Every structure is written in structure tokens, then in C-alpha cells.
C-alpha atoms as a PDB file:
ATOM      1  CA  MET A   1     104.197 -56.377 197.684  1.00  0.00           C
ATOM      2  CA  GLU A   2     107.170 -58.221 199.222  1.00  0.00           C
ATOM      3  CA  LEU A   3     110.025 -59.548 197.084  1.00  0.00           C
ATOM      4  CA  LYS A   4     108.833 -63.142 197.532  1.00  0.00           C
ATOM      5  CA  ASP A   5     105.430 -62.217 196.086  1.00  0.00           C
ATOM      6  CA  LEU A   6     107.040 -60.329 193.202  1.00  0.00           C
ATOM      7  CA  LEU A   7     109.151 -63.358 192.292  1.00  0.00           C
ATOM      8  CA  LEU A   8     106.157 -65.672 192.367  1.00  0.00           C
ATOM      9  CA  ASN A   9     103.676 -63.487 190.507  1.00  0.00           C
ATOM     10  CA  LEU A  10     105.263 -60.952 188.166  1.00  0.00           C
ATOM     11  CA  LYS A  11     106.549 -61.310 184.621  1.00  0.00           C
ATOM     12  CA  MET A  12     109.617 -59.073 185.091  1.00  0.00           C
ATOM     13  CA  ILE A  13     111.778 -57.772 187.949  1.00  0.00           C
ATOM     14  CA  MET A  14     114.567 -55.226 187.483  1.00  0.00           C
ATOM     15  CA  PHE A  15     117.445 -54.864 189.973  1.00  0.00           C
ATOM     16  CA  GLY A  16     119.387 -51.588 189.936  1.00  0.00           C
ATOM     17  CA  GLY A  17     121.317 -49.059 191.974  1.00  0.00           C
ATOM     18  CA  LYS A  18     124.754 -47.551 192.532  1.00  0.00           C
ATOM     19  CA  GLY A  19     127.794 -49.429 191.242  1.00  0.00           C
ATOM     20  CA  GLY A  20     129.328 -51.964 193.631  1.00  0.00           C
ATOM     21  CA  VAL A  21     126.367 -52.325 196.006  1.00  0.00           C
ATOM     22  CA  GLY A  22     125.505 -55.940 195.100  1.00  0.00           C
ATOM     23  CA  LYS A  23     122.881 -55.639 192.341  1.00  0.00           C
ATOM     24  CA  THR A  24     124.112 -58.675 190.434  1.00  0.00           C
ATOM     25  CA  THR A  25     124.392 -60.750 193.601  1.00  0.00           C
ATOM     26  CA  CYS A  26     120.832 -59.910 194.684  1.00  0.00           C
ATOM     27  CA  ALA A  27     119.480 -60.491 191.163  1.00  0.00           C
ATOM     28  CA  SER A  28     121.249 -63.881 190.907  1.00  0.00           C
ATOM     29  CA  SER A  29     120.068 -65.009 194.348  1.00  0.00           C
ATOM     30  CA  SER A  30     116.482 -63.994 193.535  1.00  0.00           C
ATOM     31  CA  ALA A  31     116.562 -65.749 190.161  1.00  0.00           C
ATOM     32  CA  ILE A  32     117.785 -68.975 191.782  1.00  0.00           C
ATOM     33  CA  TRP A  33     115.018 -68.780 194.396  1.00  0.00           C
ATOM     34  CA  ALA A  34     112.335 -68.216 191.751  1.00  0.00           C
ATOM     35  CA  ALA A  35     113.657 -71.054 189.569  1.00  0.00           C
ATOM     36  CA  GLU A  36     113.693 -73.476 192.485  1.00  0.00           C
ATOM     37  CA  HIS A  37     110.122 -72.505 193.310  1.00  0.00           C
ATOM     38  CA  GLY A  38     108.892 -73.697 189.934  1.00  0.00           C
ATOM     39  CA  ARG A  39     109.169 -70.587 187.750  1.00  0.00           C
ATOM     40  CA  ASN A  40     111.017 -70.956 184.450  1.00  0.00           C
ATOM     41  CA  THR A  41     113.395 -68.025 184.921  1.00  0.00           C
ATOM     42  CA  LEU A  42     115.689 -66.051 182.625  1.00  0.00           C
ATOM     43  CA  ILE A  43     118.195 -63.637 184.175  1.00  0.00           C
ATOM     44  CA  ILE A  44     119.605 -61.014 181.784  1.00  0.00           C
ATOM     45  CA  SER A  45     122.557 -58.692 182.395  1.00  0.00           C
ATOM     46  CA  THR A  46     122.183 -55.327 180.629  1.00  0.00           C
ATOM     47  CA  ASP A  47     125.368 -53.981 182.236  1.00  0.00           C
ATOM     48  CA  PRO A  48     128.089 -53.312 179.608  1.00  0.00           C
ATOM     49  CA  ALA A  49     130.624 -54.546 182.203  1.00  0.00           C
ATOM     50  CA  HIS A  50     129.058 -57.946 182.815  1.00  0.00           C
ATOM     51  CA  SER A  51     129.571 -59.821 186.095  1.00  0.00           C
ATOM     52  CA  LEU A  52     126.577 -62.177 185.959  1.00  0.00           C
ATOM     53  CA  GLY A  53     128.635 -65.187 184.879  1.00  0.00           C
ATOM     54  CA  ASP A  54     131.168 -64.464 187.643  1.00  0.00           C
ATOM     55  CA  SER A  55     128.370 -64.276 190.197  1.00  0.00           C
ATOM     56  CA  LEU A  56     126.862 -67.588 189.117  1.00  0.00           C
ATOM     57  CA  GLY A  57     130.305 -69.162 188.750  1.00  0.00           C
ATOM     58  CA  VAL A  58     129.783 -70.142 185.099  1.00  0.00           C
ATOM     59  CA  GLU A  59     131.090 -69.138 181.685  1.00  0.00           C
ATOM     60  CA  LEU A  60     128.389 -67.349 179.716  1.00  0.00           C
ATOM     61  CA  PRO A  61     128.913 -67.090 175.935  1.00  0.00           C
ATOM     62  CA  PRO A  62     128.159 -63.465 174.904  1.00  0.00           C
ATOM     63  CA  GLY A  63     124.609 -63.050 173.643  1.00  0.00           C
ATOM     64  CA  VAL A  64     123.622 -66.699 174.111  1.00  0.00           C
ATOM     65  CA  PRO A  65     120.888 -67.752 176.605  1.00  0.00           C
ATOM     66  CA  THR A  66     122.623 -70.469 178.635  1.00  0.00           C
ATOM     67  CA  PRO A  67     120.866 -72.997 180.917  1.00  0.00           C
ATOM     68  CA  ILE A  68     122.642 -73.069 184.300  1.00  0.00           C
ATOM     69  CA  GLU A  69     123.852 -76.573 185.076  1.00  0.00           C
ATOM     70  CA  GLY A  70     122.568 -77.977 188.354  1.00  0.00           C
ATOM     71  CA  ILE A  71     119.742 -75.424 188.696  1.00  0.00           C
ATOM     72  CA  SER A  72     116.473 -76.445 187.073  1.00  0.00           C
ATOM     73  CA  ASN A  73     114.429 -73.732 185.340  1.00  0.00           C
ATOM     74  CA  LEU A  74     117.271 -71.152 185.294  1.00  0.00           C
ATOM     75  CA  THR A  75     118.793 -69.627 182.146  1.00  0.00           C
ATOM     76  CA  ALA A  76     121.288 -66.736 182.063  1.00  0.00           C
ATOM     77  CA  LEU A  77     122.178 -64.235 179.334  1.00  0.00           C
ATOM     78  CA  GLU A  78     124.823 -61.526 179.075  1.00  0.00           C
ATOM     79  CA  ILE A  79     123.864 -59.164 176.247  1.00  0.00           C
ATOM     80  CA  ASP A  80     126.486 -58.781 173.527  1.00  0.00           C
ATOM     81  CA  PRO A  81     126.231 -55.207 172.105  1.00  0.00           C
ATOM     82  CA  LYS A  82     128.685 -55.938 169.273  1.00  0.00           C
ATOM     83  CA  ALA A  83     126.601 -58.841 168.002  1.00  0.00           C
ATOM     84  CA  ASN A  84     123.423 -56.786 168.279  1.00  0.00           C
ATOM     85  CA  MET A  85     125.058 -53.911 166.366  1.00  0.00           C
ATOM     86  CA  ALA A  86     125.023 -55.892 163.105  1.00  0.00           C
ATOM     87  CA  GLU A  87     121.307 -56.646 163.497  1.00  0.00           C
ATOM     88  CA  PHE A  88     120.580 -53.024 164.396  1.00  0.00           C
ATOM     89  CA  GLN A  89     122.540 -51.587 161.475  1.00  0.00           C
ATOM     90  CA  GLY A  90     120.719 -53.895 159.095  1.00  0.00           C
ATOM     91  CA  ILE A  91     117.440 -52.248 160.055  1.00  0.00           C
ATOM     92  CA  THR A  92     118.526 -48.625 160.401  1.00  0.00           C
ATOM     93  CA  SER A  93     120.786 -48.192 157.384  1.00  0.00           C
ATOM     94  CA  VAL A  94     119.256 -45.911 154.775  1.00  0.00           C
ATOM     95  CA  ASN A  95     121.252 -45.810 151.534  1.00  0.00           C
ATOM     96  CA  PRO A  96     118.806 -44.566 148.903  1.00  0.00           C
ATOM     97  CA  MET A  97     121.180 -44.819 145.953  1.00  0.00           C
ATOM     98  CA  GLU A  98     122.161 -48.399 146.665  1.00  0.00           C
ATOM     99  CA  GLU A  99     118.541 -49.426 147.268  1.00  0.00           C
ATOM    100  CA  MET A 100     117.557 -48.002 143.884  1.00  0.00           C
ATOM    101  CA  GLY A 101     120.470 -49.556 142.033  1.00  0.00           C
ATOM    102  CA  LEU A 102     122.020 -46.116 141.414  1.00  0.00           C
ATOM    103  CA  SER A 103     125.154 -46.497 143.529  1.00  0.00           C
ATOM    104  CA  GLY A 104     127.237 -45.005 140.722  1.00  0.00           C
ATOM    105  CA  MET A 105     125.678 -41.602 141.441  1.00  0.00           C
ATOM    106  CA  GLY A 106     126.882 -41.656 145.043  1.00  0.00           C
ATOM    107  CA  ASP A 107     129.727 -39.240 144.280  1.00  0.00           C
ATOM    108  CA  MET A 108     127.271 -36.416 143.609  1.00  0.00           C
ATOM    109  CA  PRO A 109     127.413 -33.779 146.422  1.00  0.00           C
ATOM    110  CA  LEU A 110     123.713 -34.103 147.287  1.00  0.00           C
ATOM    111  CA  MET A 111     123.943 -37.896 147.337  1.00  0.00           C
ATOM    112  CA  GLU A 112     127.034 -37.813 149.549  1.00  0.00           C
ATOM    113  CA  ASP A 113     125.236 -35.583 152.057  1.00  0.00           C
ATOM    114  CA  MET A 114     122.178 -37.839 151.984  1.00  0.00           C
ATOM    115  CA  GLN A 115     124.231 -40.987 152.573  1.00  0.00           C
ATOM    116  CA  GLU A 116     126.199 -39.334 155.388  1.00  0.00           C
ATOM    117  CA  PHE A 117     122.987 -38.278 157.119  1.00  0.00           C
ATOM    118  CA  SER A 118     121.402 -41.682 156.652  1.00  0.00           C
ATOM    119  CA  SER A 119     124.350 -43.426 158.334  1.00  0.00           C
ATOM    120  CA  LEU A 120     123.948 -41.526 161.606  1.00  0.00           C
ATOM    121  CA  SER A 121     123.196 -43.593 164.709  1.00  0.00           C
ATOM    122  CA  PRO A 122     120.836 -42.523 167.490  1.00  0.00           C
ATOM    123  CA  PRO A 123     122.304 -41.246 170.775  1.00  0.00           C
ATOM    124  CA  GLY A 124     123.063 -43.857 173.425  1.00  0.00           C
ATOM    125  CA  ILE A 125     123.457 -46.664 170.907  1.00  0.00           C
ATOM    126  CA  ASP A 126     124.934 -49.072 173.488  1.00  0.00           C
ATOM    127  CA  GLU A 127     121.884 -48.746 175.751  1.00  0.00           C
ATOM    128  CA  ALA A 128     119.691 -48.910 172.641  1.00  0.00           C
ATOM    129  CA  LEU A 129     121.137 -52.278 171.707  1.00  0.00           C
ATOM    130  CA  ALA A 130     120.610 -53.557 175.232  1.00  0.00           C
ATOM    131  CA  PHE A 131     117.036 -52.307 175.160  1.00  0.00           C
ATOM    132  CA  ALA A 132     116.448 -53.940 171.789  1.00  0.00           C
ATOM    133  CA  LYS A 133     117.413 -57.289 173.327  1.00  0.00           C
ATOM    134  CA  VAL A 134     115.103 -56.600 176.272  1.00  0.00           C
ATOM    135  CA  LEU A 135     112.302 -55.992 173.771  1.00  0.00           C
ATOM    136  CA  GLU A 136     113.023 -59.332 172.184  1.00  0.00           C
ATOM    137  CA  PHE A 137     112.216 -61.148 175.409  1.00  0.00           C
ATOM    138  CA  ILE A 138     109.385 -58.890 176.547  1.00  0.00           C
ATOM    139  CA  GLU A 139     107.472 -58.693 173.282  1.00  0.00           C
ATOM    140  CA  THR A 140     108.132 -62.041 171.584  1.00  0.00           C
ATOM    141  CA  GLU A 141     106.780 -65.451 172.455  1.00  0.00           C
ATOM    142  CA  HIS A 142     108.953 -67.343 174.937  1.00  0.00           C
ATOM    143  CA  ASP A 143     108.636 -70.059 177.559  1.00  0.00           C
ATOM    144  CA  TYR A 144     109.917 -68.020 180.520  1.00  0.00           C
ATOM    145  CA  ASP A 145     107.606 -67.321 183.442  1.00  0.00           C
ATOM    146  CA  LEU A 146     109.893 -64.645 184.873  1.00  0.00           C
ATOM    147  CA  ILE A 147     112.640 -62.404 183.477  1.00  0.00           C
ATOM    148  CA  VAL A 148     115.076 -60.914 186.016  1.00  0.00           C
ATOM    149  CA  PHE A 149     117.089 -57.935 184.761  1.00  0.00           C
ATOM    150  CA  ASP A 150     120.488 -57.163 186.270  1.00  0.00           C
ATOM    151  CA  THR A 151     120.758 -53.527 185.155  1.00  0.00           C
ATOM    152  CA  ALA A 152     123.819 -51.297 184.828  1.00  0.00           C
ATOM    153  CA  PRO A 153     124.806 -48.714 187.504  1.00  0.00           C
ATOM    154  CA  THR A 154     122.378 -45.852 188.117  1.00  0.00           C
ATOM    155  CA  GLY A 155     123.473 -43.449 185.356  1.00  0.00           C
ATOM    156  CA  HIS A 156     123.207 -46.091 182.634  1.00  0.00           C
ATOM    157  CA  THR A 157     119.925 -47.371 184.074  1.00  0.00           C
ATOM    158  CA  LEU A 158     118.337 -43.914 183.951  1.00  0.00           C
ATOM    159  CA  ARG A 159     119.247 -43.586 180.271  1.00  0.00           C
ATOM    160  CA  PHE A 160     117.975 -47.121 179.768  1.00  0.00           C
ATOM    161  CA  LEU A 161     114.583 -46.213 181.249  1.00  0.00           C
ATOM    162  CA  SER A 162     114.267 -43.190 178.940  1.00  0.00           C
ATOM    163  CA  LEU A 163     114.998 -45.225 175.820  1.00  0.00           C
ATOM    164  CA  PRO A 164     111.397 -46.113 174.902  1.00  0.00           C
ATOM    165  CA  GLU A 165     110.665 -42.438 174.255  1.00  0.00           C
ATOM    166  CA  THR A 166     114.103 -41.759 172.713  1.00  0.00           C
ATOM    167  CA  LEU A 167     114.067 -44.723 170.351  1.00  0.00           C
ATOM    168  CA  SER A 168     110.414 -44.342 169.419  1.00  0.00           C
ATOM    169  CA  GLY A 169     110.991 -40.700 168.462  1.00  0.00           C
ATOM    170  CA  TRP A 170     114.156 -41.533 166.522  1.00  0.00           C
ATOM    171  CA  ILE A 171     112.507 -44.384 164.631  1.00  0.00           C
ATOM    172  CA  GLY A 172     109.572 -42.116 163.813  1.00  0.00           C
ATOM    173  CA  LYS A 173     111.954 -39.603 162.219  1.00  0.00           C
ATOM    174  CA  LEU A 174     113.720 -42.380 160.339  1.00  0.00           C
ATOM    175  CA  LEU A 175     110.390 -43.639 158.981  1.00  0.00           C
ATOM    176  CA  LYS A 176     109.577 -40.149 157.696  1.00  0.00           C
ATOM    177  CA  LEU A 177     113.032 -39.911 156.126  1.00  0.00           C
ATOM    178  CA  LYS A 178     112.581 -43.240 154.367  1.00  0.00           C
ATOM    179  CA  LEU A 179     109.203 -42.156 152.997  1.00  0.00           C
ATOM    180  CA  LYS A 180     110.569 -38.818 151.775  1.00  0.00           C
ATOM    181  CA  ILE A 181     113.536 -40.517 150.129  1.00  0.00           C
ATOM    182  CA  GLY A 182     111.178 -42.923 148.376  1.00  0.00           C
ATOM    183  CA  LYS A 183     109.103 -40.079 146.967  1.00  0.00           C
ATOM    184  CA  LEU A 184     112.103 -37.920 146.110  1.00  0.00           C
ATOM    185  CA  PHE A 185     113.892 -40.599 144.128  1.00  0.00           C
ATOM    186  CA  GLY A 186     110.877 -42.520 142.860  1.00  0.00           C
ATOM    187  CA  ALA A 187     110.808 -40.828 139.443  1.00  0.00           C
ATOM    188  CA  VAL A 188     114.600 -41.090 139.076  1.00  0.00           C
ATOM    189  CA  LYS A 189     114.511 -44.764 139.970  1.00  0.00           C
ATOM    190  CA  ARG A 190     111.850 -45.527 137.340  1.00  0.00           C
ATOM    191  CA  MET A 191     113.826 -43.606 134.737  1.00  0.00           C
ATOM    192  CA  PHE A 192     117.071 -45.514 135.346  1.00  0.00           C
ATOM    193  CA  THR A 193     115.653 -48.952 136.111  1.00  0.00           C
ATOM    194  CA  GLY A 194     112.726 -49.067 133.703  1.00  0.00           C
ATOM    195  CA  GLY A 195     110.189 -49.215 136.505  1.00  0.00           C
ATOM    196  CA  GLU A 196     111.651 -52.280 138.238  1.00  0.00           C
ATOM    197  CA  LYS A 197     111.012 -52.377 141.941  1.00  0.00           C
ATOM    198  CA  LYS A 198     113.396 -53.779 144.497  1.00  0.00           C
ATOM    199  CA  LYS A 199     111.870 -55.477 147.535  1.00  0.00           C
ATOM    200  CA  ASP A 200     112.435 -53.316 150.631  1.00  0.00           C
ATOM    201  CA  ASN A 201     110.913 -54.345 153.945  1.00  0.00           C
ATOM    202  CA  THR A 202     112.867 -51.832 156.062  1.00  0.00           C
ATOM    203  CA  LEU A 203     109.808 -49.685 156.698  1.00  0.00           C
ATOM    204  CA  GLU A 204     107.889 -52.723 157.881  1.00  0.00           C
ATOM    205  CA  LEU A 205     110.730 -53.723 160.235  1.00  0.00           C
ATOM    206  CA  LEU A 206     111.024 -50.210 161.665  1.00  0.00           C
ATOM    207  CA  GLU A 207     107.273 -49.962 162.233  1.00  0.00           C
ATOM    208  CA  LYS A 208     107.314 -53.334 163.969  1.00  0.00           C
ATOM    209  CA  LEU A 209     110.218 -52.265 166.207  1.00  0.00           C
ATOM    210  CA  ASN A 210     108.483 -48.991 167.048  1.00  0.00           C
ATOM    211  CA  SER A 211     105.305 -50.881 167.977  1.00  0.00           C
ATOM    212  CA  SER A 212     107.319 -53.267 170.164  1.00  0.00           C
ATOM    213  CA  ILE A 213     108.941 -50.333 171.968  1.00  0.00           C
ATOM    214  CA  LEU A 214     105.582 -48.793 172.809  1.00  0.00           C
ATOM    215  CA  ASN A 215     104.155 -52.147 173.942  1.00  0.00           C
ATOM    216  CA  ALA A 216     107.225 -52.853 176.081  1.00  0.00           C
ATOM    217  CA  ARG A 217     106.891 -49.442 177.715  1.00  0.00           C
ATOM    218  CA  ASP A 218     103.334 -50.336 178.692  1.00  0.00           C
ATOM    219  CA  ASP A 219     104.601 -53.593 180.239  1.00  0.00           C
ATOM    220  CA  LEU A 220     107.381 -51.827 182.172  1.00  0.00           C
ATOM    221  CA  ILE A 221     104.939 -49.437 183.861  1.00  0.00           C
ATOM    222  CA  ASN A 222     102.355 -52.128 184.664  1.00  0.00           C
ATOM    223  CA  PRO A 223     102.654 -53.082 188.386  1.00  0.00           C
ATOM    224  CA  ASN A 224     100.991 -56.408 187.636  1.00  0.00           C
ATOM    225  CA  LEU A 225     103.820 -57.307 185.249  1.00  0.00           C
ATOM    226  CA  ASN A 226     106.965 -55.494 186.389  1.00  0.00           C
ATOM    227  CA  SER A 227     108.681 -54.058 189.464  1.00  0.00           C
ATOM    228  CA  PHE A 228     112.021 -52.358 190.096  1.00  0.00           C
ATOM    229  CA  VAL A 229     114.072 -53.424 193.137  1.00  0.00           C
ATOM    230  CA  ILE A 230     116.642 -50.858 194.292  1.00  0.00           C
ATOM    231  CA  VAL A 231     119.842 -52.144 195.906  1.00  0.00           C
ATOM    232  CA  MET A 232     121.839 -49.711 198.063  1.00  0.00           C
ATOM    233  CA  ILE A 233     124.259 -49.500 200.990  1.00  0.00           C
ATOM    234  CA  SER A 234     123.886 -47.485 204.175  1.00  0.00           C
ATOM    235  CA  GLU A 235     125.977 -44.440 203.258  1.00  0.00           C
ATOM    236  CA  GLU A 236     125.134 -40.770 202.655  1.00  0.00           C
ATOM    237  CA  MET A 237     126.090 -40.811 198.972  1.00  0.00           C
ATOM    238  CA  ALA A 238     124.007 -43.930 198.409  1.00  0.00           C
ATOM    239  CA  ILE A 239     120.998 -42.265 200.036  1.00  0.00           C
ATOM    240  CA  ALA A 240     121.313 -39.274 197.695  1.00  0.00           C
ATOM    241  CA  GLU A 241     121.743 -41.447 194.612  1.00  0.00           C
ATOM    242  CA  THR A 242     118.825 -43.687 195.603  1.00  0.00           C
ATOM    243  CA  GLY A 243     116.665 -40.588 195.965  1.00  0.00           C
ATOM    244  CA  ARG A 244     117.538 -39.491 192.437  1.00  0.00           C
ATOM    245  CA  LEU A 245     116.855 -42.973 191.101  1.00  0.00           C
ATOM    246  CA  LEU A 246     113.461 -43.092 192.815  1.00  0.00           C
ATOM    247  CA  ASN A 247     112.553 -39.698 191.354  1.00  0.00           C
ATOM    248  CA  GLU A 248     113.361 -40.971 187.863  1.00  0.00           C
ATOM    249  CA  LEU A 249     111.396 -44.180 188.418  1.00  0.00           C
ATOM    250  CA  VAL A 250     108.405 -42.076 189.427  1.00  0.00           C
ATOM    251  CA  LYS A 251     108.955 -39.849 186.371  1.00  0.00           C
ATOM    252  CA  TYR A 252     108.758 -42.852 184.031  1.00  0.00           C
ATOM    253  CA  ASN A 253     105.978 -44.520 186.058  1.00  0.00           C
ATOM    254  CA  ILE A 254     108.126 -47.588 186.807  1.00  0.00           C
ATOM    255  CA  PRO A 255     106.675 -49.398 189.860  1.00  0.00           C
ATOM    256  CA  VAL A 256     109.032 -49.938 192.809  1.00  0.00           C
ATOM    257  CA  SER A 257     108.118 -51.352 196.218  1.00  0.00           C
ATOM    258  CA  ASN A 258     111.309 -52.964 197.603  1.00  0.00           C
ATOM    259  CA  ILE A 259     114.668 -51.460 198.586  1.00  0.00           C
ATOM    260  CA  VAL A 260     117.547 -53.729 199.616  1.00  0.00           C
ATOM    261  CA  VAL A 261     119.994 -52.206 202.124  1.00  0.00           C
ATOM    262  CA  ASN A 262     123.085 -54.359 201.678  1.00  0.00           C
ATOM    263  CA  GLN A 263     126.381 -55.017 203.525  1.00  0.00           C
ATOM    264  CA  LEU A 264     125.302 -54.046 207.054  1.00  0.00           C
ATOM    265  CA  TYR A 265     127.672 -54.730 209.959  1.00  0.00           C
ATOM    266  CA  GLU A 266     125.933 -56.923 212.520  1.00  0.00           C
ATOM    267  CA  ASP A 267     125.626 -56.021 216.186  1.00  0.00           C
ATOM    268  CA  THR A 268     128.227 -58.200 217.954  1.00  0.00           C
ATOM    269  CA  ARG A 269     130.674 -57.536 220.795  1.00  0.00           C
ATOM    270  CA  GLU A 270     133.484 -59.035 218.749  1.00  0.00           C
ATOM    271  CA  LEU A 271     133.721 -56.094 216.358  1.00  0.00           C
ATOM    272  CA  CYS A 272     137.026 -54.224 216.180  1.00  0.00           C
ATOM    273  CA  ASP A 273     137.117 -50.446 216.710  1.00  0.00           C
ATOM    274  CA  PHE A 274     137.060 -49.802 212.952  1.00  0.00           C
ATOM    275  CA  CYS A 275     134.087 -52.122 212.450  1.00  0.00           C
ATOM    276  CA  LYS A 276     132.236 -50.570 215.391  1.00  0.00           C
ATOM    277  CA  SER A 277     132.709 -47.125 213.849  1.00  0.00           C
ATOM    278  CA  ARG A 278     131.452 -48.403 210.518  1.00  0.00           C
ATOM    279  CA  ARG A 279     128.420 -49.977 212.169  1.00  0.00           C
ATOM    280  CA  GLU A 280     127.588 -46.756 214.041  1.00  0.00           C
ATOM    281  CA  MET A 281     127.800 -44.816 210.768  1.00  0.00           C
ATOM    282  CA  GLN A 282     125.609 -47.381 209.025  1.00  0.00           C
ATOM    283  CA  GLN A 283     123.011 -47.306 211.792  1.00  0.00           C
ATOM    284  CA  ARG A 284     122.751 -43.511 211.621  1.00  0.00           C
ATOM    285  CA  ASN A 285     122.227 -43.682 207.890  1.00  0.00           C
ATOM    286  CA  LEU A 286     119.866 -46.640 208.242  1.00  0.00           C
ATOM    287  CA  SER A 287     117.623 -44.478 210.434  1.00  0.00           C
ATOM    288  CA  LYS A 288     117.547 -41.882 207.641  1.00  0.00           C
ATOM    289  CA  ILE A 289     116.782 -44.589 205.074  1.00  0.00           C
ATOM    290  CA  LYS A 290     113.899 -45.900 207.167  1.00  0.00           C
ATOM    291  CA  ASP A 291     112.549 -42.385 207.624  1.00  0.00           C
ATOM    292  CA  ILE A 292     112.959 -41.188 204.014  1.00  0.00           C
ATOM    293  CA  PHE A 293     112.183 -44.321 202.030  1.00  0.00           C
ATOM    294  CA  GLY A 294     110.281 -46.415 204.550  1.00  0.00           C
ATOM    295  CA  GLU A 295     107.952 -44.218 206.560  1.00  0.00           C
ATOM    296  CA  LYS A 296     107.539 -41.358 204.065  1.00  0.00           C
ATOM    297  CA  LEU A 297     107.455 -43.341 200.821  1.00  0.00           C
ATOM    298  CA  GLY A 298     106.104 -46.645 202.112  1.00  0.00           C
ATOM    299  CA  LYS A 299     108.806 -48.819 200.541  1.00  0.00           C
ATOM    300  CA  ILE A 300     109.611 -52.273 201.923  1.00  0.00           C
ATOM    301  CA  LEU A 301     113.188 -52.271 203.267  1.00  0.00           C
ATOM    302  CA  ILE A 302     115.208 -55.503 203.199  1.00  0.00           C
ATOM    303  CA  GLU A 303     118.290 -55.448 205.451  1.00  0.00           C
ATOM    304  CA  ILE A 304     121.182 -57.716 204.403  1.00  0.00           C
ATOM    305  CA  PRO A 305     124.194 -58.319 206.681  1.00  0.00           C
ATOM    306  CA  LEU A 306     127.801 -58.042 205.516  1.00  0.00           C
ATOM    307  CA  PHE A 307     129.051 -61.562 204.806  1.00  0.00           C
ATOM    308  CA  LYS A 308     132.537 -62.628 205.890  1.00  0.00           C
ATOM    309  CA  GLU A 309     133.165 -64.244 202.505  1.00  0.00           C
ATOM    310  CA  GLU A 310     132.465 -63.237 198.931  1.00  0.00           C
ATOM    311  CA  ILE A 311     128.931 -64.103 197.833  1.00  0.00           C
ATOM    312  CA  ARG A 312     129.133 -66.004 194.564  1.00  0.00           C
ATOM    313  CA  GLU A 313     128.152 -69.387 193.143  1.00  0.00           C
ATOM    314  CA  TYR A 314     125.186 -71.507 194.147  1.00  0.00           C
ATOM    315  CA  TYR A 315     125.541 -72.174 197.881  1.00  0.00           C
ATOM    316  CA  LYS A 316     126.511 -68.642 198.876  1.00  0.00           C
ATOM    317  CA  LEU A 317     123.750 -67.185 196.712  1.00  0.00           C
ATOM    318  CA  LYS A 318     121.300 -69.565 198.380  1.00  0.00           C
ATOM    319  CA  GLU A 319     122.552 -68.378 201.783  1.00  0.00           C
ATOM    320  CA  LEU A 320     121.938 -64.782 200.746  1.00  0.00           C
ATOM    321  CA  GLY A 321     118.410 -65.754 199.728  1.00  0.00           C
ATOM    322  CA  LYS A 322     117.601 -66.592 203.360  1.00  0.00           C
ATOM    323  CA  PHE A 323     118.028 -62.899 204.227  1.00  0.00           C
ATOM    324  CA  LEU A 324     116.813 -61.464 200.937  1.00  0.00           C
ATOM    325  CA  ILE A 325     113.605 -63.490 200.535  1.00  0.00           C
ATOM    326  CA  ASN A 326     113.027 -65.986 203.360  1.00  0.00           C
ATOM    327  CA  LYS A 327     113.298 -63.406 206.120  1.00  0.00           C
ATOM    328  CA  ASP A 328     110.931 -65.297 208.410  1.00  0.00           C
END
């Protein structure tokens, strides 16, 4: 399925690849095209080093979905991990003594060990917070027809894709811990509090989050709902990294049909010697890309020329869209 069809029909599209290859630019251009073709579109940056606002030429308040002035149907969001941390800690904190009204016993060795263990955070907490925000838009009711994800560079993205399994397993262990703590201290709590019960909906929240993670994973692997678009440049290292990324996408059953080959020198007689050498190098690598990813894997390759000026803000992003989407 070509990128145009993905933008018009799917619920989610994820752009990713090596750092500095133009992921954000391609994601922004695609989001603008979809919005102007009638789809209520949200573009989300999950990259800890955000550049989405710079690409669109607007100031994006951290963690706040912001309608883009002058572009109907387009909203942008840069995830704010610090803001999400407070929400996340509120769900995952497990302090049995405080919950039971027995905080005065916290200086006991066993209680200190229990509280220290309960305060541990899961590995990859920054990606976890980003994924939690993704879940919010995938699994809750919203008015968006399409969500475009501008993902972090390859290494972060691969950890991001593995998070459904990581978080689900971690939450499962936390649920068991909460249940064991409840049983272990139940008799003590009744003895010190006279049987009074304090309302605790943490288990319910954790179970809901775990269910959302599993449902979101099903959406991410559904080719009728989601697709991953790889952005790369025509260099040997990029070919190797794209191969690794594709292997991981296959491993997690994430559908991918389009690969954008960005920043290609055009064939003109006006090129300087340096530019001619660069173009020759790119063309050799482009042949490998076509052979490895095109002919052998059946991916749709989108070739984007190197622009003379920086591609940012509305008109330049629209110009990019002519090569990225309206190739005919």
C-alpha cells in the first residue's frame, strides 16, 4: 500500500529511522497532507529530543495537544516525560505501611526493605512514559481520524516497540506484589486500625493499564490500522541500520510497506566535483537499497531529492509532499 493510501485509510502511521535522516520532516509533511485531505490528524513526537515544533515553525507547549494555526484538522503534541512521571508514579507507588495507616512502623528493617523495593521503577522509564502517552491516544476515545508518530532514532524506537511486553510483564509482577502485600499485612492492619478499610484503587488502575497495553499491541500489529514508514539516506551505514530495524519490525509483527530514501543528489550537469562524487556514491548504494529492500522484500521505495534550502514550516513541507506523496 502506497503512502498516500496509508494516510487516507489507516488509524496510525509511525515514522522512524536513523538520527538526522529527516524523520520529523517526512512525518510533518505527511500529517499536513492528510489534514488537508479531510482527515482530523494528530502528530505526536515521542523523541526525547523534540524537533516537531521546529519543523512546523511553531511553539509547542510540552505535553499539550496544540492546534496548528493556518492548517485545518492538524494538531501537534510533543510528549513531556517529566509531566507524565508524576502520573506514572501515582499509579506505580506501593507503600504498604502508608496505605494501611502504619507509617510509624516504617523504620523497621523489614518495612524499610519493602518500601525500597516498592519504589523501584521499571527499566526504560523514559520510553515507558512516552508509550503510556501513546496508549492514551490509541486506547481512549478521541476525535482524531489519524495519528502520526514521529519516533525517536532507531535505538530508542526498538526499545519503544518492545515496551508492550516489557511493561505488561512488569505490571503483572507489580499486581502480584500488591496482592501479596495486602494479604501479608491484612491482619496487622485490622489489629491497628480496628478493621477500617482505606479505599485503594491502585490495583484497578494497574489492571486497566495492563489491558490497554495489550490492546494497543494488537492495534500496532494490525495492518488495517497501523504501518511503519522507514526513513533513510543512501549510505552504507544507513543500509545496515535499516536492515536491523526491519528485522526488529518483523520480530514484533509491525507492518511496514514504505521506505523513504531521503536527500538524494539530482542528476544535473551543474554539480561540482564533490557533489558528483556524492551522487555516484548515493547511486551505488541506491542500487543496493532497491535490490535488498525493493526487489527482495517488496517494499515501496520513495526517492526524495536533496533540497537546496532547509525544509521547515508550511510551504517547504508542502513542497516536500509533492515528492513524498504526490509522486505522479
